[in-house]
């Protein structure tokens, strides 16, 4: 590992989703908004909300991930994302995510329902990770 990279571990209860070197991680914390981690970041621990997490790999490619809750921890030169559920963009069914978004929005038009709010947040994270509502791929940085 070079001085310009850090180790990133993305883990869900079922499996290790990603383990490797990266130059940057951008994710969203509960009550704190979006945060970027670079090599040498100070120790950090926070809860995560549903979001589109971007991991810039050592080769410059960006790994897009839908993260559905969990925690992020920075210790030493390692960023660990311990997620309740995390999905790589390439594994997400966009059509299904769009249907889930529409169903949740329909439910919320009728009444405020906590499960519908949660479903809408998950759908938005999935859609953002796969290119946003327009469906165009995210530009690699």
C-alpha atoms as a PDB file:
ATOM      1  CA  UNK A   1       0.000   0.000   0.000  1.00  0.00           C
ATOM      2  CA  UNK A   2       1.418   3.401  -0.965  1.00  0.00           C
ATOM      3  CA  UNK A   3       1.241   6.619   1.065  1.00  0.00           C
ATOM      4  CA  UNK A   4      -1.501   7.781  -1.332  1.00  0.00           C
ATOM      5  CA  UNK A   5      -3.848   4.870  -0.625  1.00  0.00           C
ATOM      6  CA  UNK A   6      -5.710   3.337   2.282  1.00  0.00           C
ATOM      7  CA  UNK A   7      -7.286  -0.025   2.952  1.00  0.00           C
ATOM      8  CA  UNK A   8     -11.082  -0.110   2.549  1.00  0.00           C
ATOM      9  CA  UNK A   9     -13.267  -2.888   3.932  1.00  0.00           C
ATOM     10  CA  UNK A  10     -16.968  -2.971   3.008  1.00  0.00           C
ATOM     11  CA  UNK A  11     -18.719  -5.695   4.971  1.00  0.00           C
ATOM     12  CA  UNK A  12     -22.336  -6.786   5.413  1.00  0.00           C
ATOM     13  CA  UNK A  13     -23.532  -9.497   7.804  1.00  0.00           C
ATOM     14  CA  UNK A  14     -23.503 -12.003   4.927  1.00  0.00           C
ATOM     15  CA  UNK A  15     -20.141 -11.317   3.288  1.00  0.00           C
ATOM     16  CA  UNK A  16     -17.191  -9.079   2.513  1.00  0.00           C
ATOM     17  CA  UNK A  17     -18.446  -6.990  -0.407  1.00  0.00           C
ATOM     18  CA  UNK A  18     -15.166  -5.203  -1.104  1.00  0.00           C
ATOM     19  CA  UNK A  19     -11.675  -5.285   0.341  1.00  0.00           C
ATOM     20  CA  UNK A  20      -8.882  -3.359  -1.314  1.00  0.00           C
ATOM     21  CA  UNK A  21      -6.883  -0.175  -1.758  1.00  0.00           C
ATOM     22  CA  UNK A  22      -8.526   3.167  -2.433  1.00  0.00           C
ATOM     23  CA  UNK A  23      -7.616   6.833  -2.562  1.00  0.00           C
ATOM     24  CA  UNK A  24     -10.957   8.180  -1.304  1.00  0.00           C
ATOM     25  CA  UNK A  25     -14.268   7.101   0.227  1.00  0.00           C
ATOM     26  CA  UNK A  26     -17.352   9.333   0.204  1.00  0.00           C
ATOM     27  CA  UNK A  27     -20.382   8.301   2.259  1.00  0.00           C
ATOM     28  CA  UNK A  28     -23.226   9.889   4.258  1.00  0.00           C
ATOM     29  CA  UNK A  29     -23.490   9.835   8.044  1.00  0.00           C
ATOM     30  CA  UNK A  30     -26.539  10.158  10.253  1.00  0.00           C
ATOM     31  CA  UNK A  31     -26.991  13.821  11.086  1.00  0.00           C
ATOM     32  CA  UNK A  32     -23.595  14.734   9.656  1.00  0.00           C
ATOM     33  CA  UNK A  33     -24.172  14.740   5.924  1.00  0.00           C
ATOM     34  CA  UNK A  34     -21.707  13.597   3.313  1.00  0.00           C
ATOM     35  CA  UNK A  35     -18.097  13.007   4.383  1.00  0.00           C
ATOM     36  CA  UNK A  36     -14.966  12.151   2.417  1.00  0.00           C
ATOM     37  CA  UNK A  37     -12.113  10.068   3.791  1.00  0.00           C
ATOM     38  CA  UNK A  38      -8.601  10.308   2.379  1.00  0.00           C
ATOM     39  CA  UNK A  39      -5.444   8.399   3.399  1.00  0.00           C
ATOM     40  CA  UNK A  40      -4.264   9.510   6.832  1.00  0.00           C
ATOM     41  CA  UNK A  41      -7.716  10.628   8.038  1.00  0.00           C
ATOM     42  CA  UNK A  42      -8.121  11.092  11.786  1.00  0.00           C
ATOM     43  CA  UNK A  43      -9.851   8.301  13.720  1.00  0.00           C
ATOM     44  CA  UNK A  44     -13.602   8.498  13.146  1.00  0.00           C
ATOM     45  CA  UNK A  45     -16.766   6.565  13.974  1.00  0.00           C
ATOM     46  CA  UNK A  46     -20.316   7.372  12.838  1.00  0.00           C
ATOM     47  CA  UNK A  47     -23.639   5.783  11.975  1.00  0.00           C
ATOM     48  CA  UNK A  48     -24.595   5.677   8.292  1.00  0.00           C
ATOM     49  CA  UNK A  49     -27.894   6.412   6.579  1.00  0.00           C
ATOM     50  CA  UNK A  50     -29.099   4.940   3.280  1.00  0.00           C
ATOM     51  CA  UNK A  51     -26.836   6.492   0.678  1.00  0.00           C
ATOM     52  CA  UNK A  52     -24.767   6.215  -2.483  1.00  0.00           C
ATOM     53  CA  UNK A  53     -21.216   5.551  -1.279  1.00  0.00           C
ATOM     54  CA  UNK A  54     -18.340   6.107  -3.708  1.00  0.00           C
ATOM     55  CA  UNK A  55     -15.008   4.353  -3.301  1.00  0.00           C
ATOM     56  CA  UNK A  56     -12.275   5.728  -5.566  1.00  0.00           C
ATOM     57  CA  UNK A  57      -9.980   2.788  -6.227  1.00  0.00           C
ATOM     58  CA  UNK A  58      -6.193   3.029  -6.486  1.00  0.00           C
ATOM     59  CA  UNK A  59      -6.470   2.742 -10.298  1.00  0.00           C
ATOM     60  CA  UNK A  60      -8.836   5.747 -10.461  1.00  0.00           C
ATOM     61  CA  UNK A  61     -12.036   3.795 -11.118  1.00  0.00           C
ATOM     62  CA  UNK A  62     -15.006   4.483  -8.846  1.00  0.00           C
ATOM     63  CA  UNK A  63     -16.895   1.693  -7.118  1.00  0.00           C
ATOM     64  CA  UNK A  64     -20.517   2.795  -6.646  1.00  0.00           C
ATOM     65  CA  UNK A  65     -22.350   1.183  -3.733  1.00  0.00           C
ATOM     66  CA  UNK A  66     -25.827   1.507  -2.248  1.00  0.00           C
ATOM     67  CA  UNK A  67     -25.346   1.377   1.525  1.00  0.00           C
ATOM     68  CA  UNK A  68     -28.391   0.844   3.724  1.00  0.00           C
ATOM     69  CA  UNK A  69     -27.407   1.854   7.232  1.00  0.00           C
ATOM     70  CA  UNK A  70     -24.596   0.635   9.416  1.00  0.00           C
ATOM     71  CA  UNK A  71     -21.399   2.291  10.616  1.00  0.00           C
ATOM     72  CA  UNK A  72     -18.179   3.733   9.220  1.00  0.00           C
ATOM     73  CA  UNK A  73     -14.956   3.554  11.204  1.00  0.00           C
ATOM     74  CA  UNK A  74     -11.552   4.988  10.385  1.00  0.00           C
ATOM     75  CA  UNK A  75      -8.633   3.555  12.312  1.00  0.00           C
ATOM     76  CA  UNK A  76      -5.043   3.863  11.240  1.00  0.00           C
ATOM     77  CA  UNK A  77      -5.059   3.834   7.457  1.00  0.00           C
ATOM     78  CA  UNK A  78      -8.186   1.672   7.184  1.00  0.00           C
ATOM     79  CA  UNK A  79     -11.764   2.708   6.436  1.00  0.00           C
ATOM     80  CA  UNK A  80     -14.266   0.042   7.492  1.00  0.00           C
ATOM     81  CA  UNK A  81     -17.900   0.241   6.425  1.00  0.00           C
ATOM     82  CA  UNK A  82     -20.008  -2.206   8.403  1.00  0.00           C
ATOM     83  CA  UNK A  83     -23.372  -2.128   6.675  1.00  0.00           C
ATOM     84  CA  UNK A  84     -26.701  -3.710   7.466  1.00  0.00           C
ATOM     85  CA  UNK A  85     -27.066  -4.189   3.690  1.00  0.00           C
ATOM     86  CA  UNK A  86     -24.779  -2.985   0.902  1.00  0.00           C
ATOM     87  CA  UNK A  87     -25.098  -3.561  -2.832  1.00  0.00           C
ATOM     88  CA  UNK A  88     -22.603  -2.905  -5.600  1.00  0.00           C
ATOM     89  CA  UNK A  89     -24.178  -0.845  -8.379  1.00  0.00           C
ATOM     90  CA  UNK A  90     -23.516  -3.630 -10.892  1.00  0.00           C
ATOM     91  CA  UNK A  91     -25.690  -5.986  -8.803  1.00  0.00           C
ATOM     92  CA  UNK A  92     -28.688  -3.640  -8.510  1.00  0.00           C
ATOM     93  CA  UNK A  93     -31.815  -4.196 -10.615  1.00  0.00           C
ATOM     94  CA  UNK A  94     -32.679  -0.608 -11.675  1.00  0.00           C
ATOM     95  CA  UNK A  95     -36.166  -1.509 -12.885  1.00  0.00           C
ATOM     96  CA  UNK A  96     -36.971  -3.107  -9.543  1.00  0.00           C
ATOM     97  CA  UNK A  97     -35.578  -0.071  -7.682  1.00  0.00           C
ATOM     98  CA  UNK A  98     -37.742   2.256  -9.797  1.00  0.00           C
ATOM     99  CA  UNK A  99     -40.829   0.145  -9.064  1.00  0.00           C
ATOM    100  CA  UNK A 100     -40.014   0.202  -5.334  1.00  0.00           C
ATOM    101  CA  UNK A 101     -39.595   3.989  -5.466  1.00  0.00           C
ATOM    102  CA  UNK A 102     -42.941   4.442  -7.202  1.00  0.00           C
ATOM    103  CA  UNK A 103     -44.723   2.086  -4.781  1.00  0.00           C
ATOM    104  CA  UNK A 104     -43.274   3.892  -1.761  1.00  0.00           C
ATOM    105  CA  UNK A 105     -44.237   7.298  -3.183  1.00  0.00           C
ATOM    106  CA  UNK A 106     -47.773   6.045  -3.835  1.00  0.00           C
ATOM    107  CA  UNK A 107     -48.053   4.777  -0.247  1.00  0.00           C
ATOM    108  CA  UNK A 108     -46.769   8.114   1.101  1.00  0.00           C
ATOM    109  CA  UNK A 109     -49.374  10.032  -0.922  1.00  0.00           C
ATOM    110  CA  UNK A 110     -52.034   8.199   1.095  1.00  0.00           C
ATOM    111  CA  UNK A 111     -50.461   8.310   4.568  1.00  0.00           C
ATOM    112  CA  UNK A 112     -47.158   8.840   6.316  1.00  0.00           C
ATOM    113  CA  UNK A 113     -45.807   5.348   6.893  1.00  0.00           C
ATOM    114  CA  UNK A 114     -42.372   4.671   8.424  1.00  0.00           C
ATOM    115  CA  UNK A 115     -41.836   1.545   6.305  1.00  0.00           C
ATOM    116  CA  UNK A 116     -42.665   3.467   3.112  1.00  0.00           C
ATOM    117  CA  UNK A 117     -40.201   6.212   4.100  1.00  0.00           C
ATOM    118  CA  UNK A 118     -37.523   3.556   4.665  1.00  0.00           C
ATOM    119  CA  UNK A 119     -38.344   1.828   1.353  1.00  0.00           C
ATOM    120  CA  UNK A 120     -38.123   5.156  -0.476  1.00  0.00           C
ATOM    121  CA  UNK A 121     -34.704   5.857   1.092  1.00  0.00           C
ATOM    122  CA  UNK A 122     -33.434   2.428   0.013  1.00  0.00           C
ATOM    123  CA  UNK A 123     -34.744   2.942  -3.529  1.00  0.00           C
ATOM    124  CA  UNK A 124     -33.089   6.365  -3.762  1.00  0.00           C
ATOM    125  CA  UNK A 125     -29.744   4.915  -2.605  1.00  0.00           C
ATOM    126  CA  UNK A 126     -29.984   2.134  -5.198  1.00  0.00           C
ATOM    127  CA  UNK A 127     -30.921   4.522  -7.997  1.00  0.00           C
ATOM    128  CA  UNK A 128     -28.184   7.001  -7.068  1.00  0.00           C
ATOM    129  CA  UNK A 129     -25.587   4.213  -7.095  1.00  0.00           C
ATOM    130  CA  UNK A 130     -26.708   3.122 -10.559  1.00  0.00           C
ATOM    131  CA  UNK A 131     -26.662   6.548 -12.171  1.00  0.00           C
ATOM    132  CA  UNK A 132     -29.440   8.555 -10.545  1.00  0.00           C
ATOM    133  CA  UNK A 133     -33.021   8.965 -11.682  1.00  0.00           C
ATOM    134  CA  UNK A 134     -32.005   9.732 -15.257  1.00  0.00           C
ATOM    135  CA  UNK A 135     -30.237   6.379 -15.440  1.00  0.00           C
ATOM    136  CA  UNK A 136     -27.007   7.687 -16.897  1.00  0.00           C
ATOM    137  CA  UNK A 137     -23.865   6.094 -15.511  1.00  0.00           C
ATOM    138  CA  UNK A 138     -21.976   8.111 -12.910  1.00  0.00           C
ATOM    139  CA  UNK A 139     -18.870   9.747 -14.312  1.00  0.00           C
ATOM    140  CA  UNK A 140     -15.650   8.211 -13.082  1.00  0.00           C
ATOM    141  CA  UNK A 141     -13.401  10.711 -11.381  1.00  0.00           C
END
